[in-house]
Protein backbone atom coordinates (compact mmCIF):
# COMPACT_ATOMS: atom_id res chain seq x y z
CA MET A 1 26.80 15.20 8.42
CA GLU A 2 26.40 14.60 12.15
CA TRP A 3 23.30 16.80 12.27
CA VAL A 4 21.73 14.68 9.56
CA THR A 5 22.30 11.51 11.59
CA GLN A 6 20.96 13.16 14.75
CA THR A 7 17.90 14.51 12.92
CA LEU A 8 17.00 11.22 11.25
CA SER A 9 17.46 9.31 14.51
CA SER A 10 15.21 11.71 16.46
CA THR A 11 11.44 11.32 16.79
CA ILE A 12 10.86 14.29 14.47
CA GLY A 13 13.27 12.87 11.94
CA ARG A 14 11.54 9.50 12.12
CA LYS A 15 8.21 11.19 11.44
CA VAL A 16 9.69 12.91 8.39
CA ILE A 17 10.89 9.51 7.12
CA MET A 18 7.41 8.09 7.72
CA ALA A 19 5.88 11.01 5.80
CA LEU A 20 8.20 10.75 2.79
CA THR A 21 8.02 6.99 2.50
CA GLY A 22 4.25 7.08 3.00
CA LEU A 23 3.72 9.65 0.23
CA PHE A 24 5.98 7.65 -2.08
CA MET A 25 3.87 4.57 -1.47
CA CYS A 26 0.75 6.59 -2.24
CA THR A 27 2.26 7.22 -5.66
CA PHE A 28 3.03 3.52 -5.98
CA LEU A 29 -0.59 2.66 -5.12
CA VAL A 30 -1.82 4.75 -8.03
CA VAL A 31 0.67 3.31 -10.53
CA HIS A 32 0.01 -0.26 -9.39
CA LEU A 33 -3.72 0.31 -9.57
CA ILE A 34 -3.49 1.44 -13.19
CA GLY A 35 -1.83 -1.86 -14.02
CA ASN A 36 -4.26 -3.95 -11.99
CA LEU A 37 -7.24 -2.32 -13.71
CA GLN A 38 -6.10 -4.12 -16.87
CA LEU A 39 -7.61 -7.21 -15.26
CA LEU A 40 -11.05 -5.78 -15.92
CA LYS A 41 -10.55 -5.76 -19.68
CA ASP A 42 -12.36 -8.44 -21.67
CA ASP A 43 -9.28 -9.54 -23.61
CA ALA A 44 -8.45 -12.90 -21.97
CA GLY A 45 -5.66 -11.24 -19.98
CA GLN A 46 -3.61 -9.82 -22.86
CA ALA A 47 -3.29 -6.27 -21.52
CA PHE A 48 -2.50 -7.42 -17.98
CA ASN A 49 0.08 -10.02 -19.05
CA ILE A 50 1.87 -7.52 -21.27
CA TYR A 51 1.85 -5.01 -18.44
CA ALA A 52 3.19 -7.61 -15.97
CA ALA A 53 5.96 -8.59 -18.39
CA PHE A 54 6.98 -4.96 -18.83
CA MET A 55 7.06 -4.32 -15.08
CA THR A 56 9.27 -7.35 -14.45
CA SER A 57 11.65 -7.01 -17.41
CA ASN A 58 12.32 -3.30 -17.87
CA PRO A 59 15.65 -2.50 -16.12
CA LEU A 60 14.57 0.94 -14.89
CA ILE A 61 11.26 -0.38 -13.52
CA LYS A 62 13.12 -3.22 -11.78
CA ILE A 63 15.43 -0.74 -10.04
CA ILE A 64 12.45 1.36 -8.97
CA SER A 65 10.72 -1.81 -7.72
CA TYR A 66 13.65 -2.80 -5.54
CA GLY A 67 13.76 0.75 -4.19
CA ASN A 68 10.04 0.45 -3.45
CA TYR A 69 10.60 -2.79 -1.47
CA ALA A 70 13.25 -1.02 0.59
CA ILE A 71 10.94 1.96 1.22
CA ILE A 72 8.15 -0.37 2.37
CA LEU A 73 10.49 -2.02 4.87
CA LEU A 74 11.77 1.36 6.03
CA HIS A 75 8.20 2.57 6.49
CA VAL A 76 7.29 -0.57 8.47
CA PHE A 77 10.29 -0.47 10.81
CA ASP A 78 9.99 3.27 11.28
CA GLY A 79 6.34 2.83 12.16
CA LEU A 80 7.19 0.13 14.71
CA PHE A 81 9.81 2.41 16.27
CA LEU A 82 7.34 5.29 16.60
CA THR A 83 4.60 3.04 17.95
CA LEU A 84 6.92 1.58 20.65
CA HIS A 85 8.24 5.03 21.42
CA ASN A 86 4.74 6.42 21.94
CA ARG A 87 3.80 3.50 24.22
CA LYS A 88 6.87 4.03 26.37
CA ALA A 89 6.20 7.76 26.58
CA ARG A 90 2.54 7.30 27.52
CA PRO A 91 1.14 4.46 29.69
CA VAL A 92 -1.27 2.20 27.78
CA GLN A 93 -3.96 2.51 30.43
CA TYR A 94 -3.93 6.29 30.29
CA ALA A 95 -3.86 6.37 26.52
CA TYR A 96 -6.98 4.23 26.24
CA ALA A 97 -8.78 5.88 29.10
CA GLN A 98 -8.13 9.41 27.89
CA PRO A 99 -7.46 9.43 24.16
CA LYS A 100 -6.11 12.60 22.62
CA VAL A 101 -8.82 15.18 21.97
CA GLY A 102 -9.81 15.11 18.30
CA ALA A 103 -7.94 11.89 17.61
CA THR A 104 -9.67 9.62 15.14
CA TRP A 105 -10.01 5.84 15.44
CA SER A 106 -7.52 5.36 12.61
CA SER A 107 -4.94 7.68 14.19
CA ARG A 108 -5.12 5.71 17.46
CA ASN A 109 -4.74 2.37 15.69
CA MET A 110 -2.13 3.04 13.00
CA GLY A 111 0.08 0.31 14.43
CA ILE A 112 -2.66 -2.33 14.19
CA LEU A 113 -3.67 -1.17 10.72
CA GLY A 114 -0.06 -1.20 9.59
CA THR A 115 0.42 -4.76 10.88
CA LEU A 116 -2.67 -5.97 9.01
CA ILE A 117 -1.45 -4.33 5.83
CA LEU A 118 1.99 -5.89 6.24
CA VAL A 119 0.39 -9.36 6.52
CA PHE A 120 -1.57 -8.62 3.35
CA ILE A 121 1.56 -7.52 1.47
CA VAL A 122 3.44 -10.68 2.43
CA ILE A 123 0.57 -12.96 1.31
CA HIS A 124 -0.07 -10.90 -1.82
CA MET A 125 3.58 -11.02 -2.90
CA LYS A 126 3.76 -14.75 -2.22
CA ASN A 127 0.69 -15.42 -4.37
CA PHE A 128 1.57 -13.18 -7.30
CA TRP A 129 5.05 -11.58 -7.20
CA TYR A 130 6.78 -14.83 -6.28
CA GLU A 131 4.80 -16.80 -8.83
CA MET A 132 5.60 -14.29 -11.55
CA HIS A 133 9.33 -14.48 -10.87
CA PHE A 134 9.89 -18.05 -9.71
CA GLY A 135 6.69 -20.04 -10.31
CA SER A 136 5.88 -22.35 -13.21
CA LEU A 137 3.29 -20.24 -14.93
CA PRO A 138 1.40 -21.18 -18.10
CA MET A 139 2.32 -19.23 -21.20
CA ALA A 140 0.20 -17.10 -23.52
CA THR A 141 1.15 -15.86 -26.99
CA TYR A 142 0.24 -12.46 -28.39
CA GLU A 143 1.35 -11.42 -31.87
CA GLY A 144 3.88 -14.22 -31.97
CA LYS A 145 5.50 -13.38 -28.61
CA ALA A 146 5.21 -15.59 -25.52
CA TYR A 147 4.28 -14.11 -22.13
CA LYS A 148 3.88 -15.60 -18.67
CA ASP A 149 0.14 -15.93 -18.11
CA LEU A 150 -0.08 -14.33 -14.66
CA TYR A 151 -3.65 -13.36 -15.52
CA GLN A 152 -4.81 -16.96 -15.09
CA ILE A 153 -3.14 -17.20 -11.67
CA VAL A 154 -4.76 -13.99 -10.50
CA ILE A 155 -8.23 -14.85 -11.74
CA PHE A 156 -7.97 -18.30 -10.20
CA ALA A 157 -7.03 -16.78 -6.83
CA PHE A 158 -9.96 -14.41 -7.05
CA GLN A 159 -12.38 -17.33 -7.45
CA ASN A 160 -11.79 -18.13 -3.78
CA PRO A 161 -14.39 -16.22 -1.72
CA VAL A 162 -12.26 -16.42 1.44
CA TYR A 163 -9.32 -14.77 -0.31
CA VAL A 164 -11.58 -12.13 -1.88
CA VAL A 165 -13.02 -11.25 1.57
CA PHE A 166 -9.48 -11.06 2.95
CA TYR A 167 -8.40 -8.86 0.05
CA VAL A 168 -11.37 -6.48 0.45
CA ALA A 169 -10.87 -6.33 4.24
CA SER A 170 -7.22 -5.45 3.62
CA MET A 171 -8.30 -2.62 1.34
CA VAL A 172 -10.54 -1.30 4.10
CA ALA A 173 -7.52 -1.36 6.45
CA ILE A 174 -5.45 0.53 3.86
CA GLY A 175 -8.25 3.07 3.53
CA PHE A 176 -8.32 3.75 7.27
CA HIS A 177 -4.53 3.86 7.34
CA LEU A 178 -4.52 6.46 4.57
CA ILE A 179 -7.26 8.61 6.15
CA HIS A 180 -4.88 9.54 8.94
CA GLY A 181 -1.57 8.93 7.22
CA PHE A 182 -2.11 11.19 4.20
CA ALA A 183 -2.85 14.37 6.16
CA SER A 184 -0.36 13.46 8.90
CA ALA A 185 2.43 13.19 6.33
CA PHE A 186 1.97 16.81 5.25
CA GLN A 187 1.88 17.91 8.86
CA SER A 188 5.14 16.05 9.58
CA LEU A 189 6.76 17.84 6.65
CA GLY A 190 5.79 21.19 8.10
CA LEU A 191 2.98 21.85 5.61
CA HIS A 192 0.49 22.67 8.32
CA HIS A 193 -1.49 25.86 7.89
CA SER A 194 -5.11 26.83 8.45
CA LYS A 195 -5.41 28.02 4.83
CA TYR A 196 -4.94 24.58 3.30
CA ASN A 197 -5.36 22.04 6.12
CA GLN A 198 -8.98 21.36 5.21
CA PHE A 199 -8.07 20.97 1.53
CA ILE A 200 -5.35 18.44 2.36
CA LYS A 201 -7.76 16.50 4.59
CA LEU A 202 -10.36 16.49 1.80
CA VAL A 203 -7.85 15.26 -0.79
CA GLY A 204 -6.67 12.62 1.69
CA LEU A 205 -10.20 11.46 2.35
CA VAL A 206 -10.99 11.17 -1.37
CA PHE A 207 -7.70 9.34 -2.01
CA ALA A 208 -8.21 7.04 0.99
CA THR A 209 -11.70 6.17 -0.22
CA LEU A 210 -11.30 5.99 -4.00
CA ILE A 211 -8.00 4.08 -4.36
CA PRO A 212 -8.81 1.18 -1.95
CA PHE A 213 -12.35 1.00 -3.40
CA LEU A 214 -11.02 0.56 -6.95
CA TYR A 215 -8.57 -2.08 -5.72
CA ALA A 216 -11.42 -3.92 -3.95
CA VAL A 217 -13.61 -3.82 -7.07
CA ILE A 218 -11.11 -5.95 -9.04
CA PRO A 219 -11.32 -9.24 -7.04
CA VAL A 220 -15.08 -8.88 -6.56
CA TYR A 221 -15.56 -8.33 -10.32
CA ALA A 222 -13.24 -11.23 -11.12
CA MET A 223 -15.10 -13.59 -8.77
CA VAL A 224 -18.57 -12.61 -10.04
CA VAL A 225 -17.97 -12.02 -13.75
CA LYS A 226 -14.85 -13.92 -14.84
């Protein structure tokens, strides 16, 4: 098992961890988006509240959620390690004066983008995850069963233009983060070949554009229509 420890503690091993955790979180983004899109339904929050109750009460989903929290933290700390390692290996002045040929803006600023996204996650979880688990939420009844009315909390938050702008800006940061991160993950896993590199980049670009855009639509729609 020593080779496993050495591999995972090396720069290459760290990049593999970044790739695997990043791709897992891409899957999470899709699943979470499907649930959040329930906010757009004109049903006074019934579909979203039932979804939220299921996600916070199903034992299997709860285990997966805790695993997801751990993966997010692992991805964050691994990213910080790689960022600091790159800065030590290459002087800041030289890096800015002569950026790597072909490097995109997002690839050169993954650390900044990641930090902005982390701030968003903390605020987002405080406003919604914490309230769902520990807050005093109003209740709603559907077919004789009571549910925590998280829908009202979310819609209320999305009536604040400042928060909506912050939310949309965070989705833009996630989009730029994904533009580089998606393709880079496959490269770190050794799936780098001229036959399918362009296809992976295209899929990554579509994913990095479509998913954050749909997330951003929700608060804007809620502020304008709800």
